[in-house]
Amino acid sequence: MRLTRVHIDQTLHAGSEIALPEGPATHLARVLRLGVGDACVLFNGDGHDYPARIVALGKRELRVAIGEASAVDRESPLRLILLQGIARGEKMDLILQKATELGVAALHPLWSQRSEVKLDEARAEKRLAHWRSVVASACEQSGRAQVPEVAAPLSLTAALAALPAGGLRLILDPEGELAFSTLAVDEGAPVYLAIGPEGGWSPLDREQLRTAGFAGLKLGPRILRTETAGLAAIAALQARFGDLA
């Protein structure tokens, strides 16, 4: 039987006992109805799973004993970074969740000229915490033991300026100069995939992306929605250069 995996944002040590945070504790005790003696698996993003067993359960606390760590290798050899125009509500959650399941290494939410979602500083911080929770939950489900970074949302201009030098840089374009059949990726080099928001990239956005070294990649003749485009491209890239063989 597959054990429930729980993400814990703290250091884990074999042989120790810890009280789980309220969220995971509530999920195990009230949703899954686990009790003393039942097993689960903890992970904190360090690349290991930690088998654990519930040793105490009360109204306000659930304690587990942690077993020996085991290394988990479910990361793609393709380092794929998604630059995603912020989409509305559940669409953004879906993109982050499925991109994590498909093996992206990092996610960079961004605003562009045609973005429909506007967030002030307080709402941006709250939304970022929510997005990181979505990604951690996707890791729980998919078996990943390294949690992809979700960067703080930035403008397209700021996000492009912050990118390190090098790497293959792609935007989807039915008229693009690159095709999957001839695409080449240098071993170990990152691949940056930029996907526009619901309103698409504006001419100014495209100019900025091209100036920053992004080339157009053909992904079929159809125009895809933002919640479809990135996931389709990620799956295709992983099948050709990653671990979806």
Protein backbone atom coordinates (compact mmCIF):
# COMPACT_ATOMS: atom_id res chain seq x y z
CA MET A 1 0.00 0.00 0.00
CA ARG A 2 1.31 3.43 -0.94
CA LEU A 3 2.04 5.60 2.10
CA THR A 4 0.86 9.18 2.41
CA ARG A 5 3.66 11.67 1.76
CA VAL A 6 3.66 14.91 3.74
CA HIS A 7 5.78 17.98 3.05
CA ILE A 8 7.31 19.54 6.19
CA ASP A 9 9.21 22.81 5.95
CA GLN A 10 11.84 22.03 8.57
CA THR A 11 14.97 19.97 9.11
CA LEU A 12 14.32 16.26 9.65
CA HIS A 13 16.58 13.87 11.57
CA ALA A 14 16.39 10.09 11.73
CA GLY A 15 15.65 8.84 15.24
CA SER A 16 13.97 12.04 16.40
CA GLU A 17 10.36 12.84 17.27
CA ILE A 18 8.57 15.97 16.11
CA ALA A 19 5.12 17.50 16.37
CA LEU A 20 3.69 18.07 12.90
CA PRO A 21 2.44 21.54 11.95
CA GLU A 22 -1.31 22.10 12.19
CA GLY A 23 -2.06 21.65 8.48
CA PRO A 24 -0.38 18.25 7.97
CA ALA A 25 -1.52 17.06 11.40
CA THR A 26 -5.15 17.89 10.60
CA HIS A 27 -4.90 16.18 7.21
CA LEU A 28 -3.50 12.95 8.68
CA ALA A 29 -5.76 12.79 11.74
CA ARG A 30 -9.08 14.21 10.56
CA VAL A 31 -9.09 13.70 6.79
CA LEU A 32 -7.21 10.39 6.49
CA ARG A 33 -8.18 9.31 10.03
CA LEU A 34 -4.77 7.89 10.84
CA GLY A 35 -4.03 6.95 14.43
CA VAL A 36 -1.19 5.98 16.73
CA GLY A 37 0.98 3.34 15.06
CA ASP A 38 0.04 4.32 11.51
CA ALA A 39 2.82 5.14 9.04
CA CYS A 40 3.43 8.03 6.66
CA VAL A 41 6.37 9.55 4.80
CA LEU A 42 7.81 13.01 5.43
CA PHE A 43 9.97 15.07 3.09
CA ASN A 44 11.35 18.60 3.27
CA GLY A 45 12.81 19.15 -0.20
CA ASP A 46 16.34 17.94 0.56
CA GLY A 47 16.04 15.02 -1.86
CA HIS A 48 15.14 12.38 0.73
CA ASP A 49 12.05 10.65 2.04
CA TYR A 50 11.79 10.04 5.79
CA PRO A 51 9.54 7.17 6.90
CA ALA A 52 7.61 8.12 10.01
CA ARG A 53 5.12 6.61 12.41
CA ILE A 54 2.53 8.36 14.57
CA VAL A 55 3.45 7.95 18.24
CA ALA A 56 1.05 10.38 19.92
CA LEU A 57 -2.24 11.95 18.90
CA GLY A 58 -4.21 14.52 20.84
CA LYS A 59 -6.67 17.32 20.20
CA ARG A 60 -3.88 19.83 19.65
CA GLU A 61 -0.86 17.73 18.68
CA LEU A 62 0.22 14.86 16.45
CA ARG A 63 3.72 13.53 17.03
CA VAL A 64 5.70 11.21 14.78
CA ALA A 65 8.92 9.24 15.13
CA ILE A 66 11.22 9.62 12.13
CA GLY A 67 13.08 6.70 10.56
CA GLU A 68 16.17 6.49 8.38
CA ALA A 69 16.27 8.80 5.35
CA SER A 70 16.25 7.31 1.86
CA ALA A 71 17.46 9.20 -1.21
CA VAL A 72 14.84 9.84 -3.90
CA ASP A 73 15.83 10.46 -7.52
CA ARG A 74 12.78 11.61 -9.46
CA GLU A 75 14.22 14.82 -10.91
CA SER A 76 14.42 15.26 -14.66
CA PRO A 77 17.85 15.52 -16.32
CA LEU A 78 16.36 18.49 -18.21
CA ARG A 79 16.50 21.65 -16.10
CA LEU A 80 13.33 23.36 -17.28
CA ILE A 81 12.32 26.77 -15.89
CA LEU A 82 8.81 28.03 -16.60
CA LEU A 83 8.26 31.78 -16.85
CA GLN A 84 4.48 31.93 -16.58
CA GLY A 85 2.29 34.97 -17.12
CA ILE A 86 0.04 35.09 -14.06
CA ALA A 87 -3.38 33.60 -14.82
CA ARG A 88 -6.59 33.90 -12.87
CA GLY A 89 -7.31 31.81 -9.77
CA GLU A 90 -7.70 28.12 -10.47
CA LYS A 91 -5.99 28.36 -13.87
CA MET A 92 -2.75 29.42 -12.20
CA ASP A 93 -3.09 26.67 -9.60
CA LEU A 94 -3.58 24.10 -12.37
CA ILE A 95 -0.52 25.33 -14.28
CA LEU A 96 1.72 25.20 -11.19
CA GLN A 97 0.40 21.82 -10.09
CA LYS A 98 0.76 20.07 -13.42
CA ALA A 99 4.09 21.71 -14.29
CA THR A 100 5.42 20.37 -10.99
CA GLU A 101 4.12 16.88 -11.76
CA LEU A 102 5.78 17.07 -15.17
CA GLY A 103 9.15 17.85 -13.59
CA VAL A 104 9.93 21.56 -13.97
CA ALA A 105 12.86 22.74 -11.87
CA ALA A 106 11.57 26.23 -11.09
CA LEU A 107 8.58 28.49 -11.71
CA HIS A 108 8.65 32.25 -12.19
CA PRO A 109 5.24 33.97 -12.13
CA LEU A 110 5.29 37.32 -13.95
CA TRP A 111 3.17 40.27 -15.03
CA SER A 112 3.22 41.54 -18.57
CA GLN A 113 1.48 44.29 -20.52
CA ARG A 114 -1.72 42.30 -21.08
CA SER A 115 -1.92 40.62 -17.67
CA GLU A 116 -5.48 40.56 -16.34
CA VAL A 117 -4.45 39.83 -12.75
CA LYS A 118 -3.19 42.75 -10.65
CA LEU A 119 -1.88 42.21 -7.11
CA ASP A 120 -0.76 44.73 -4.53
CA GLU A 121 2.16 43.85 -2.26
CA ALA A 122 0.04 42.22 0.47
CA ARG A 123 -2.00 40.16 -1.98
CA ALA A 124 1.13 39.17 -3.88
CA GLU A 125 2.72 37.79 -0.70
CA LYS A 126 -0.45 35.85 0.16
CA ARG A 127 -0.75 34.49 -3.37
CA LEU A 128 2.93 33.45 -3.40
CA ALA A 129 2.44 31.48 -0.18
CA HIS A 130 -0.58 29.79 -1.75
CA TRP A 131 1.31 28.95 -4.94
CA ARG A 132 4.17 27.42 -2.96
CA SER A 133 1.64 25.31 -1.07
CA VAL A 134 0.16 24.10 -4.38
CA VAL A 135 3.62 23.09 -5.61
CA ALA A 136 4.46 21.30 -2.34
CA SER A 137 1.18 19.37 -2.55
CA ALA A 138 1.99 18.41 -6.15
CA CYS A 139 5.33 17.04 -4.92
CA GLU A 140 3.52 15.02 -2.24
CA GLN A 141 1.34 13.41 -4.89
CA SER A 142 3.97 12.91 -7.60
CA GLY A 143 6.72 11.50 -5.39
CA ARG A 144 9.20 14.33 -5.91
CA ALA A 145 11.52 14.92 -2.95
CA GLN A 146 12.89 18.23 -4.24
CA VAL A 147 10.39 21.08 -4.29
CA PRO A 148 10.67 23.43 -7.29
CA GLU A 149 11.34 27.05 -6.43
CA VAL A 150 8.40 29.39 -6.94
CA ALA A 151 9.88 32.87 -7.29
CA ALA A 152 8.13 36.02 -6.13
CA PRO A 153 6.05 37.53 -8.95
CA LEU A 154 7.87 40.14 -11.04
CA SER A 155 7.21 42.25 -14.08
CA LEU A 156 8.39 40.76 -17.36
CA THR A 157 11.11 43.42 -17.53
CA ALA A 158 12.39 42.59 -14.05
CA ALA A 159 12.12 38.83 -14.58
CA LEU A 160 14.17 38.97 -17.79
CA ALA A 161 16.79 41.19 -16.17
CA ALA A 162 17.15 38.69 -13.31
CA LEU A 163 17.80 35.66 -15.54
CA PRO A 164 21.36 34.34 -15.41
CA ALA A 165 23.28 34.29 -18.66
CA GLY A 166 23.06 31.32 -20.99
CA GLY A 167 20.55 28.57 -21.52
CA LEU A 168 18.03 27.90 -24.28
CA ARG A 169 15.23 30.47 -24.23
CA LEU A 170 11.89 29.68 -25.86
CA ILE A 171 8.48 31.22 -26.47
CA LEU A 172 5.70 29.41 -28.31
CA ASP A 173 4.93 30.83 -31.73
CA PRO A 174 3.03 29.12 -34.60
CA GLU A 175 5.32 31.09 -36.92
CA GLY A 176 8.46 30.48 -34.87
CA GLU A 177 11.83 29.76 -36.40
CA LEU A 178 12.45 26.65 -34.25
CA ALA A 179 10.74 23.26 -34.54
CA PHE A 180 10.76 20.32 -32.14
CA SER A 181 12.07 18.07 -34.89
CA THR A 182 15.28 20.08 -35.14
CA LEU A 183 15.54 21.52 -31.62
CA ALA A 184 18.81 20.88 -29.78
CA VAL A 185 19.55 21.29 -26.06
CA ASP A 186 23.08 21.33 -24.68
CA GLU A 187 23.56 18.74 -21.95
CA GLY A 188 23.19 20.32 -18.52
CA ALA A 189 22.06 23.68 -19.90
CA PRO A 190 18.82 25.17 -18.53
CA VAL A 191 15.81 25.67 -20.77
CA TYR A 192 13.67 28.76 -20.12
CA LEU A 193 10.10 28.55 -21.40
CA ALA A 194 8.08 31.78 -21.39
CA ILE A 195 4.27 31.52 -21.57
CA GLY A 196 2.05 34.60 -21.77
CA PRO A 197 -1.06 35.34 -19.68
CA GLU A 198 -4.69 35.00 -20.84
CA GLY A 199 -4.32 38.09 -23.03
CA GLY A 200 -1.14 36.78 -24.66
CA TRP A 201 2.12 38.62 -25.24
CA SER A 202 1.85 42.19 -26.51
CA PRO A 203 4.15 43.41 -29.31
CA LEU A 204 6.24 45.18 -26.64
CA ASP A 205 6.45 41.96 -24.59
CA ARG A 206 7.61 40.03 -27.65
CA GLU A 207 10.23 42.65 -28.41
CA GLN A 208 11.57 42.41 -24.85
CA LEU A 209 11.64 38.61 -25.01
CA ARG A 210 13.42 38.60 -28.37
CA THR A 211 15.96 41.13 -27.10
CA ALA A 212 16.58 38.84 -24.11
CA GLY A 213 17.37 35.95 -26.47
CA PHE A 214 14.04 34.12 -26.59
CA ALA A 215 13.33 32.36 -29.89
CA GLY A 216 9.97 31.25 -31.23
CA LEU A 217 9.18 27.52 -31.05
CA LYS A 218 6.45 25.93 -33.17
CA LEU A 219 4.08 23.70 -31.19
CA GLY A 220 1.56 22.81 -33.86
CA PRO A 221 -0.61 25.17 -35.90
CA ARG A 222 -3.15 26.03 -33.20
CA ILE A 223 -3.17 28.86 -30.66
CA LEU A 224 -3.32 27.35 -27.17
CA ARG A 225 -4.73 28.85 -23.98
CA THR A 226 -2.23 29.83 -21.30
CA GLU A 227 -3.22 26.86 -19.10
CA THR A 228 -2.63 24.49 -22.05
CA ALA A 229 0.38 25.98 -23.81
CA GLY A 230 3.02 25.63 -21.11
CA LEU A 231 1.96 22.14 -20.05
CA ALA A 232 1.92 20.88 -23.63
CA ALA A 233 5.37 22.33 -24.28
CA ILE A 234 6.78 20.97 -21.01
CA ALA A 235 5.49 17.48 -21.82
CA ALA A 236 6.96 17.64 -25.34
CA LEU A 237 10.34 18.88 -24.08
CA GLN A 238 10.47 16.24 -21.36
CA ALA A 239 9.60 13.51 -23.85
CA ARG A 240 12.41 14.59 -26.19
CA PHE A 241 15.13 15.69 -23.76
CA GLY A 242 13.99 14.70 -20.27
CA ASP A 243 12.62 11.62 -18.57
CA LEU A 244 9.20 11.06 -20.22
CA ALA A 245 10.68 8.51 -22.60
